Amino acid sequence: MGARTAAAQDEQAAARAVREMFSAIAPRYDLLNHVLSLNTDRYWWWRAARTFRYILRRPGAAVLDVCCGTGDMAFALYRRAGPLPRNANAPGGVRIVGADFSPAMLERARQKGAGLPLEWIEADALNLPFADGTFDLVVSAFGFRNLANYDRGLGEIGRVLKSGGEIGILDFGEPQGVTGKLYQLYFRHVLPRLGTIISGVRGPYAYLPASVARFPEPEEMLARMRRAGFERAEYAPYTFGIAGLYQAVKRTAEQ
């Protein structure tokens, strides 16, 4: 199970379609995120980064932001890392790497992060170019939902995590009740139209509500994480459940 588009129903075709969609809107991606979320996205990134502050302030920690897009989650992690040296080559420095399979998105991230000691790598989240057990923390903000195979994505994240390392997946949800009904009206009908008008590209904002509807419910997602070798899996809803953070720990080798 993974992301699909109306015109692409197998894994490889879906991955190509998603890459093309997000590359097309890269120039206005940040503006659209802020406008369409009423700037709430900035709070979500800040809150997720704060959740992992004890890792970010650990001397020598290595952190990967997978499906990093234009880098906002990586920047939030960087700011939360605190006063430690942030150059990966400095003693005690925190290494923060952003990886994405869209060159256009990565170019925006590099431009925004010019002068900061962050690394940007073009990579497929289902085939990461890192050795086993490289990172203390792997996060993904609003990107994991777009993977063509969720279980393979979890497996690959688990592979590059150190034993006892942590995973954080920040993504959209579907709120319930009256709030949910109002939000769905906006999310399914207003947001796609606004996104298309501002970006000039229809595909991504018609795809967005469908991708959220296809994504596993929290309990199913937590079960998938446990099957992938994670423990202490939990979900924290943000802003009435419009978004939320999945968090878990990679099972240690002796368990």
C-alpha atoms as a PDB file:
ATOM      1  CA  MET A   1       0.000   0.000   0.000  1.00  0.00           C
ATOM      2  CA  GLY A   2       1.293   3.422  -0.938  1.00  0.00           C
ATOM      3  CA  ALA A   3       0.569   6.627  -2.819  1.00  0.00           C
ATOM      4  CA  ARG A   4      -1.223   6.425  -6.163  1.00  0.00           C
ATOM      5  CA  THR A   5      -2.512   8.958  -8.647  1.00  0.00           C
ATOM      6  CA  ALA A   6      -5.531   8.762 -10.922  1.00  0.00           C
ATOM      7  CA  ALA A   7      -3.281   8.046 -13.913  1.00  0.00           C
ATOM      8  CA  ALA A   8      -0.646   5.908 -12.172  1.00  0.00           C
ATOM      9  CA  GLN A   9      -1.673   2.809 -10.279  1.00  0.00           C
ATOM     10  CA  ASP A  10       1.617   0.874  -9.986  1.00  0.00           C
ATOM     11  CA  GLU A  11       4.540   1.770  -7.727  1.00  0.00           C
ATOM     12  CA  GLN A  12       7.038   2.975 -10.330  1.00  0.00           C
ATOM     13  CA  ALA A  13       4.510   5.047 -12.272  1.00  0.00           C
ATOM     14  CA  ALA A  14       3.116   6.555  -9.060  1.00  0.00           C
ATOM     15  CA  ALA A  15       6.618   7.516  -7.872  1.00  0.00           C
ATOM     16  CA  ARG A  16       7.342   9.241 -11.204  1.00  0.00           C
ATOM     17  CA  ALA A  17       4.013  11.054 -11.148  1.00  0.00           C
ATOM     18  CA  VAL A  18       4.531  12.331  -7.604  1.00  0.00           C
ATOM     19  CA  ARG A  19       8.074  13.518  -8.408  1.00  0.00           C
ATOM     20  CA  GLU A  20       6.821  15.399 -11.459  1.00  0.00           C
ATOM     21  CA  MET A  21       3.927  16.986  -9.559  1.00  0.00           C
ATOM     22  CA  PHE A  22       6.052  18.343  -6.755  1.00  0.00           C
ATOM     23  CA  SER A  23       8.836  19.480  -9.068  1.00  0.00           C
ATOM     24  CA  ALA A  24       6.237  21.477 -11.000  1.00  0.00           C
ATOM     25  CA  ILE A  25       5.132  23.459  -7.941  1.00  0.00           C
ATOM     26  CA  ALA A  26       8.586  23.845  -6.307  1.00  0.00           C
ATOM     27  CA  PRO A  27       8.909  27.593  -7.098  1.00  0.00           C
ATOM     28  CA  ARG A  28       5.700  28.423  -5.175  1.00  0.00           C
ATOM     29  CA  TYR A  29       5.618  25.489  -2.788  1.00  0.00           C
ATOM     30  CA  ASP A  30       6.491  27.477   0.356  1.00  0.00           C
ATOM     31  CA  LEU A  31       4.034  30.281  -0.382  1.00  0.00           C
ATOM     32  CA  LEU A  32       1.265  27.769  -1.011  1.00  0.00           C
ATOM     33  CA  ASN A  33       1.987  25.874   2.207  1.00  0.00           C
ATOM     34  CA  HIS A  34       1.816  29.021   4.305  1.00  0.00           C
ATOM     35  CA  VAL A  35      -1.256  30.477   2.595  1.00  0.00           C
ATOM     36  CA  LEU A  36      -3.296  27.290   2.420  1.00  0.00           C
ATOM     37  CA  SER A  37      -2.535  26.304   6.044  1.00  0.00           C
ATOM     38  CA  LEU A  38      -2.952  29.882   7.344  1.00  0.00           C
ATOM     39  CA  ASN A  39       0.670  29.608   8.549  1.00  0.00           C
ATOM     40  CA  THR A  40      -0.185  26.688  10.848  1.00  0.00           C
ATOM     41  CA  ASP A  41       2.464  24.608   9.068  1.00  0.00           C
ATOM     42  CA  ARG A  42       5.180  26.654  10.801  1.00  0.00           C
ATOM     43  CA  TYR A  43       3.761  25.619  14.197  1.00  0.00           C
ATOM     44  CA  TRP A  44       3.614  21.957  13.169  1.00  0.00           C
ATOM     45  CA  TRP A  45       7.287  21.915  12.178  1.00  0.00           C
ATOM     46  CA  TRP A  46       8.281  23.729  15.369  1.00  0.00           C
ATOM     47  CA  ARG A  47       6.288  21.352  17.558  1.00  0.00           C
ATOM     48  CA  ALA A  48       7.677  18.230  15.872  1.00  0.00           C
ATOM     49  CA  ALA A  49      11.247  19.509  16.194  1.00  0.00           C
ATOM     50  CA  ARG A  50      10.666  20.309  19.868  1.00  0.00           C
ATOM     51  CA  THR A  51       9.550  16.707  20.446  1.00  0.00           C
ATOM     52  CA  PHE A  52      13.041  15.507  19.507  1.00  0.00           C
ATOM     53  CA  ARG A  53      15.082  18.213  21.247  1.00  0.00           C
ATOM     54  CA  TYR A  54      16.792  15.682  23.535  1.00  0.00           C
ATOM     55  CA  ILE A  55      18.265  13.980  20.453  1.00  0.00           C
ATOM     56  CA  LEU A  56      19.104  17.239  18.681  1.00  0.00           C
ATOM     57  CA  ARG A  57      21.132  18.417  21.665  1.00  0.00           C
ATOM     58  CA  ARG A  58      23.052  15.163  21.931  1.00  0.00           C
ATOM     59  CA  PRO A  59      26.720  15.697  20.951  1.00  0.00           C
ATOM     60  CA  GLY A  60      27.497  14.014  17.648  1.00  0.00           C
ATOM     61  CA  ALA A  61      23.864  13.219  16.788  1.00  0.00           C
ATOM     62  CA  ALA A  62      23.074  12.399  13.154  1.00  0.00           C
ATOM     63  CA  VAL A  63      19.620  13.343  11.853  1.00  0.00           C
ATOM     64  CA  LEU A  64      17.936  12.657   8.504  1.00  0.00           C
ATOM     65  CA  ASP A  65      14.939  14.550   7.133  1.00  0.00           C
ATOM     66  CA  VAL A  66      13.607  12.229   4.424  1.00  0.00           C
ATOM     67  CA  CYS A  67      11.257  13.573   1.740  1.00  0.00           C
ATOM     68  CA  CYS A  68      12.529  16.952   2.915  1.00  0.00           C
ATOM     69  CA  GLY A  69      10.958  19.043   0.138  1.00  0.00           C
ATOM     70  CA  THR A  70      12.195  22.620   0.393  1.00  0.00           C
ATOM     71  CA  GLY A  71      13.757  21.963   3.791  1.00  0.00           C
ATOM     72  CA  ASP A  72      11.439  23.537   6.362  1.00  0.00           C
ATOM     73  CA  MET A  73      11.535  20.532   8.709  1.00  0.00           C
ATOM     74  CA  ALA A  74      15.325  20.409   8.474  1.00  0.00           C
ATOM     75  CA  PHE A  75      15.510  24.113   9.329  1.00  0.00           C
ATOM     76  CA  ALA A  76      13.216  23.600  12.328  1.00  0.00           C
ATOM     77  CA  LEU A  77      15.474  20.770  13.531  1.00  0.00           C
ATOM     78  CA  TYR A  78      18.533  22.956  13.039  1.00  0.00           C
ATOM     79  CA  ARG A  79      17.073  25.792  15.107  1.00  0.00           C
ATOM     80  CA  ARG A  80      16.065  23.356  17.856  1.00  0.00           C
ATOM     81  CA  ALA A  81      19.578  21.856  18.017  1.00  0.00           C
ATOM     82  CA  GLY A  82      20.565  24.677  20.347  1.00  0.00           C
ATOM     83  CA  PRO A  83      24.017  26.119  21.071  1.00  0.00           C
ATOM     84  CA  LEU A  84      26.079  23.027  20.165  1.00  0.00           C
ATOM     85  CA  PRO A  85      28.439  23.304  17.186  1.00  0.00           C
ATOM     86  CA  ARG A  86      26.271  22.501  14.178  1.00  0.00           C
ATOM     87  CA  ASN A  87      29.021  21.728  11.695  1.00  0.00           C
ATOM     88  CA  ALA A  88      29.147  17.967  11.226  1.00  0.00           C
ATOM     89  CA  ASN A  89      32.962  18.170  11.053  1.00  0.00           C
ATOM     90  CA  ALA A  90      33.280  20.009  14.360  1.00  0.00           C
ATOM     91  CA  PRO A  91      33.717  18.103  17.635  1.00  0.00           C
ATOM     92  CA  GLY A  92      30.294  17.415  19.082  1.00  0.00           C
ATOM     93  CA  GLY A  93      28.561  18.830  16.021  1.00  0.00           C
ATOM     94  CA  VAL A  94      25.057  17.765  15.023  1.00  0.00           C
ATOM     95  CA  ARG A  95      24.750  16.448  11.484  1.00  0.00           C
ATOM     96  CA  ILE A  96      21.448  17.239   9.752  1.00  0.00           C
ATOM     97  CA  VAL A  97      20.812  15.814   6.281  1.00  0.00           C
ATOM     98  CA  GLY A  98      17.850  16.566   4.022  1.00  0.00           C
ATOM     99  CA  ALA A  99      17.006  14.034   1.306  1.00  0.00           C
ATOM    100  CA  ASP A 100      14.419  14.268  -1.472  1.00  0.00           C
ATOM    101  CA  PHE A 101      13.955  12.777  -4.929  1.00  0.00           C
ATOM    102  CA  SER A 102      12.907  16.077  -6.538  1.00  0.00           C
ATOM    103  CA  PRO A 103      15.906  18.137  -7.750  1.00  0.00           C
ATOM    104  CA  ALA A 104      13.704  21.234  -7.987  1.00  0.00           C
ATOM    105  CA  MET A 105      12.661  20.948  -4.331  1.00  0.00           C
ATOM    106  CA  LEU A 106      16.255  20.392  -3.219  1.00  0.00           C
ATOM    107  CA  GLU A 107      17.428  23.436  -5.158  1.00  0.00           C
ATOM    108  CA  ARG A 108      14.915  25.560  -3.234  1.00  0.00           C
ATOM    109  CA  ALA A 109      16.162  24.025   0.041  1.00  0.00           C
ATOM    110  CA  ARG A 110      19.780  24.830  -0.862  1.00  0.00           C
ATOM    111  CA  GLN A 111      18.885  28.416  -1.709  1.00  0.00           C
ATOM    112  CA  LYS A 112      16.988  28.907   1.547  1.00  0.00           C
ATOM    113  CA  GLY A 113      19.741  27.269   3.591  1.00  0.00           C
ATOM    114  CA  ALA A 114      22.700  28.971   1.946  1.00  0.00           C
ATOM    115  CA  GLY A 115      25.463  29.388   4.530  1.00  0.00           C
ATOM    116  CA  LEU A 116      24.011  26.884   6.987  1.00  0.00           C
ATOM    117  CA  PRO A 117      25.912  23.639   7.751  1.00  0.00           C
ATOM    118  CA  LEU A 118      23.158  21.387   6.417  1.00  0.00           C
ATOM    119  CA  GLU A 119      23.553  18.619   3.837  1.00  0.00           C
ATOM    120  CA  TRP A 120      21.180  18.139   0.901  1.00  0.00           C
ATOM    121  CA  ILE A 121      21.095  14.860  -1.008  1.00  0.00           C
ATOM    122  CA  GLU A 122      18.975  13.753  -3.964  1.00  0.00           C
ATOM    123  CA  ALA A 123      17.691  10.324  -2.945  1.00  0.00           C
ATOM    124  CA  ASP A 124      14.701   7.999  -3.179  1.00  0.00           C
ATOM    125  CA  ALA A 125      13.224   7.317   0.268  1.00  0.00           C
ATOM    126  CA  LEU A 126      12.734   3.669  -0.729  1.00  0.00           C
ATOM    127  CA  ASN A 127      16.429   3.268  -1.545  1.00  0.00           C
ATOM    128  CA  LEU A 128      18.431   5.586   0.700  1.00  0.00           C
ATOM    129  CA  PRO A 129      22.178   5.947  -0.039  1.00  0.00           C
ATOM    130  CA  PHE A 130      23.283   5.480   3.573  1.00  0.00           C
ATOM    131  CA  ALA A 131      24.843   2.600   5.451  1.00  0.00           C
ATOM    132  CA  ASP A 132      22.869   0.591   7.988  1.00  0.00           C
ATOM    133  CA  GLY A 133      22.632   2.254  11.395  1.00  0.00           C
ATOM    134  CA  THR A 134      23.763   5.745  10.309  1.00  0.00           C
ATOM    135  CA  PHE A 135      21.249   8.016  12.059  1.00  0.00           C
ATOM    136  CA  ASP A 136      19.999   8.669  15.585  1.00  0.00           C
ATOM    137  CA  LEU A 137      16.785  10.221  14.263  1.00  0.00           C
ATOM    138  CA  VAL A 138      14.890  10.059  10.963  1.00  0.00           C
ATOM    139  CA  VAL A 139      11.945  12.386  10.391  1.00  0.00           C
ATOM    140  CA  SER A 140       9.586  13.029   7.504  1.00  0.00           C
ATOM    141  CA  ALA A 141       7.220  15.990   7.348  1.00  0.00           C
ATOM    142  CA  PHE A 142       4.291  15.761   4.924  1.00  0.00           C
ATOM    143  CA  GLY A 143       6.305  13.554   2.594  1.00  0.00           C
ATOM    144  CA  PHE A 144       5.983   9.985   3.831  1.00  0.00           C
ATOM    145  CA  ARG A 145       2.346   9.906   2.692  1.00  0.00           C
ATOM    146  CA  ASN A 146       3.592  10.281  -0.898  1.00  0.00           C
ATOM    147  CA  LEU A 147       5.756   7.148  -0.892  1.00  0.00           C
ATOM    148  CA  ALA A 148       4.713   4.480  -3.373  1.00  0.00           C
ATOM    149  CA  ASN A 149       5.061   1.793  -0.676  1.00  0.00           C
ATOM    150  CA  TYR A 150       4.600   2.688   2.996  1.00  0.00           C
ATOM    151  CA  ASP A 151       5.947  -0.574   4.425  1.00  0.00           C
ATOM    152  CA  ARG A 152       9.095  -0.421   2.314  1.00  0.00           C
ATOM    153  CA  GLY A 153       9.537   3.173   3.442  1.00  0.00           C
ATOM    154  CA  LEU A 154       9.333   2.171   7.089  1.00  0.00           C
ATOM    155  CA  GLY A 155      11.754  -0.682   6.458  1.00  0.00           C
ATOM    156  CA  GLU A 156      14.281   1.598   4.796  1.00  0.00           C
ATOM    157  CA  ILE A 157      14.036   4.152   7.604  1.00  0.00           C
ATOM    158  CA  GLY A 158      14.556   1.348  10.105  1.00  0.00           C
ATOM    159  CA  ARG A 159      17.610   0.152   8.183  1.00  0.00           C
ATOM    160  CA  VAL A 160      19.425   3.508   8.324  1.00  0.00           C
ATOM    161  CA  LEU A 161      18.509   4.113  11.989  1.00  0.00           C
ATOM    162  CA  LYS A 162      20.832   3.058  14.759  1.00  0.00           C
ATOM    163  CA  SER A 163      19.571   0.483  17.233  1.00  0.00           C
ATOM    164  CA  GLY A 164      17.420   2.478  19.637  1.00  0.00           C
ATOM    165  CA  GLY A 165      17.169   5.357  17.154  1.00  0.00           C
ATOM    166  CA  GLU A 166      13.884   7.210  16.699  1.00  0.00           C
ATOM    167  CA  ILE A 167      11.464   7.869  13.862  1.00  0.00           C
ATOM    168  CA  GLY A 168       9.079  10.803  13.541  1.00  0.00           C
ATOM    169  CA  ILE A 169       6.487  11.066  10.765  1.00  0.00           C
ATOM    170  CA  LEU A 170       4.526  14.321  10.635  1.00  0.00           C
ATOM    171  CA  ASP A 171       1.624  14.172   8.216  1.00  0.00           C
ATOM    172  CA  PHE A 172      -1.953  15.134   7.558  1.00  0.00           C
ATOM    173  CA  GLY A 173      -4.919  13.440   9.214  1.00  0.00           C
ATOM    174  CA  GLU A 174      -8.683  13.544   8.905  1.00  0.00           C
ATOM    175  CA  PRO A 175     -10.317  15.310  11.876  1.00  0.00           C
ATOM    176  CA  GLN A 176     -13.694  14.123  13.133  1.00  0.00           C
ATOM    177  CA  GLY A 177     -16.907  15.792  14.305  1.00  0.00           C
ATOM    178  CA  VAL A 178     -18.071  19.256  13.337  1.00  0.00           C
ATOM    179  CA  THR A 179     -14.485  20.474  12.936  1.00  0.00           C
ATOM    180  CA  GLY A 180     -13.835  17.573  10.599  1.00  0.00           C
ATOM    181  CA  LYS A 181     -16.847  18.357   8.421  1.00  0.00           C
ATOM    182  CA  LEU A 182     -15.845  22.010   8.072  1.00  0.00           C
ATOM    183  CA  TYR A 183     -12.249  21.077   7.389  1.00  0.00           C
ATOM    184  CA  GLN A 184     -13.206  18.485   4.771  1.00  0.00           C
ATOM    185  CA  LEU A 185     -15.273  21.115   2.959  1.00  0.00           C
ATOM    186  CA  TYR A 186     -12.202  23.352   2.815  1.00  0.00           C
ATOM    187  CA  PHE A 187      -9.696  20.576   2.160  1.00  0.00           C
ATOM    188  CA  ARG A 188     -11.596  18.793  -0.608  1.00  0.00           C
ATOM    189  CA  HIS A 189     -13.165  21.745  -2.418  1.00  0.00           C
ATOM    190  CA  VAL A 190     -11.613  25.124  -1.533  1.00  0.00           C
ATOM    191  CA  LEU A 191      -7.932  24.183  -1.105  1.00  0.00           C
ATOM    192  CA  PRO A 192      -7.561  22.427  -4.493  1.00  0.00           C
ATOM    193  CA  ARG A 193      -9.027  25.438  -6.292  1.00  0.00           C
ATOM    194  CA  LEU A 194      -6.843  27.946  -4.423  1.00  0.00           C
ATOM    195  CA  GLY A 195      -3.741  25.813  -4.894  1.00  0.00           C
ATOM    196  CA  THR A 196      -4.379  25.525  -8.612  1.00  0.00           C
ATOM    197  CA  ILE A 197      -4.954  29.279  -8.997  1.00  0.00           C
ATOM    198  CA  ILE A 198      -1.818  30.279  -7.076  1.00  0.00           C
ATOM    199  CA  SER A 199       0.503  27.619  -8.508  1.00  0.00           C
ATOM    200  CA  GLY A 200      -0.919  27.479 -12.011  1.00  0.00           C
ATOM    201  CA  VAL A 201      -0.691  23.677 -11.793  1.00  0.00           C
ATOM    202  CA  ARG A 202      -3.784  21.566 -11.176  1.00  0.00           C
ATOM    203  CA  GLY A 203      -2.437  18.073 -10.479  1.00  0.00           C
ATOM    204  CA  PRO A 204      -0.805  18.394  -7.029  1.00  0.00           C
ATOM    205  CA  TYR A 205      -3.756  20.060  -5.318  1.00  0.00           C
ATOM    206  CA  ALA A 206      -6.303  17.686  -6.767  1.00  0.00           C
ATOM    207  CA  TYR A 207      -4.028  14.819  -5.634  1.00  0.00           C
ATOM    208  CA  LEU A 208      -3.567  16.102  -2.060  1.00  0.00           C
ATOM    209  CA  PRO A 209      -7.019  15.266  -0.569  1.00  0.00           C
ATOM    210  CA  ALA A 210      -6.984  11.845  -2.256  1.00  0.00           C
ATOM    211  CA  SER A 211      -3.537  11.074  -0.850  1.00  0.00           C
ATOM    212  CA  VAL A 212      -4.679  11.919   2.684  1.00  0.00           C
ATOM    213  CA  ALA A 213      -7.802   9.777   2.323  1.00  0.00           C
ATOM    214  CA  ARG A 214      -5.638   6.860   1.125  1.00  0.00           C
ATOM    215  CA  PHE A 215      -3.124   7.171   3.982  1.00  0.00           C
ATOM    216  CA  PRO A 216      -3.632   4.652   6.829  1.00  0.00           C
ATOM    217  CA  GLU A 217      -5.665   5.652   9.879  1.00  0.00           C
ATOM    218  CA  PRO A 218      -3.505   6.248  12.994  1.00  0.00           C
ATOM    219  CA  GLU A 219      -4.061   2.798  14.510  1.00  0.00           C
ATOM    220  CA  GLU A 220      -3.221   1.053  11.264  1.00  0.00           C
ATOM    221  CA  MET A 221      -0.133   3.203  10.774  1.00  0.00           C
ATOM    222  CA  LEU A 222       1.073   2.430  14.297  1.00  0.00           C
ATOM    223  CA  ALA A 223       0.548  -1.281  13.632  1.00  0.00           C
ATOM    224  CA  ARG A 224       2.628  -1.008  10.444  1.00  0.00           C
ATOM    225  CA  MET A 225       5.411   0.690  12.408  1.00  0.00           C
ATOM    226  CA  ARG A 226       5.428  -2.118  14.976  1.00  0.00           C
ATOM    227  CA  ARG A 227       5.587  -4.746  12.230  1.00  0.00           C
ATOM    228  CA  ALA A 228       8.519  -2.869  10.699  1.00  0.00           C
ATOM    229  CA  GLY A 229      10.566  -3.312  13.870  1.00  0.00           C
ATOM    230  CA  PHE A 230       9.626  -0.270  15.935  1.00  0.00           C
ATOM    231  CA  GLU A 231       8.399  -0.165  19.512  1.00  0.00           C
ATOM    232  CA  ARG A 232       6.761   2.435  21.770  1.00  0.00           C
ATOM    233  CA  ALA A 233       4.825   3.636  18.715  1.00  0.00           C
ATOM    234  CA  GLU A 234       2.438   6.482  19.468  1.00  0.00           C
ATOM    235  CA  TYR A 235       0.484   9.190  17.680  1.00  0.00           C
ATOM    236  CA  ALA A 236      -0.023  12.808  18.768  1.00  0.00           C
ATOM    237  CA  PRO A 237      -2.724  14.754  16.866  1.00  0.00           C
ATOM    238  CA  TYR A 238      -2.018  18.405  16.053  1.00  0.00           C
ATOM    239  CA  THR A 239      -4.660  21.130  15.597  1.00  0.00           C
ATOM    240  CA  PHE A 240      -7.824  19.056  16.057  1.00  0.00           C
ATOM    241  CA  GLY A 241      -6.310  16.161  14.114  1.00  0.00           C
ATOM    242  CA  ILE A 242      -5.659  18.084  10.899  1.00  0.00           C
ATOM    243  CA  ALA A 243      -2.072  16.868  11.234  1.00  0.00           C
ATOM    244  CA  GLY A 244      -0.241  14.629  13.666  1.00  0.00           C
ATOM    245  CA  LEU A 245       3.091  13.111  14.624  1.00  0.00           C
ATOM    246  CA  TYR A 246       3.838   9.391  14.596  1.00  0.00           C
ATOM    247  CA  GLN A 247       6.768   8.571  16.864  1.00  0.00           C
ATOM    248  CA  ALA A 248       8.540   5.289  17.654  1.00  0.00           C
ATOM    249  CA  VAL A 249      11.873   3.747  18.617  1.00  0.00           C
ATOM    250  CA  LYS A 250      13.795   1.172  16.577  1.00  0.00           C
ATOM    251  CA  ARG A 251      13.843  -2.101  18.471  1.00  0.00           C
ATOM    252  CA  THR A 252      17.289  -2.853  19.858  1.00  0.00           C
ATOM    253  CA  ALA A 253      19.217  -5.824  18.508  1.00  0.00           C
ATOM    254  CA  GLU A 254      18.944  -7.886  21.693  1.00  0.00           C
ATOM    255  CA  GLN A 255      15.137  -7.674  21.781  1.00  0.00           C
END
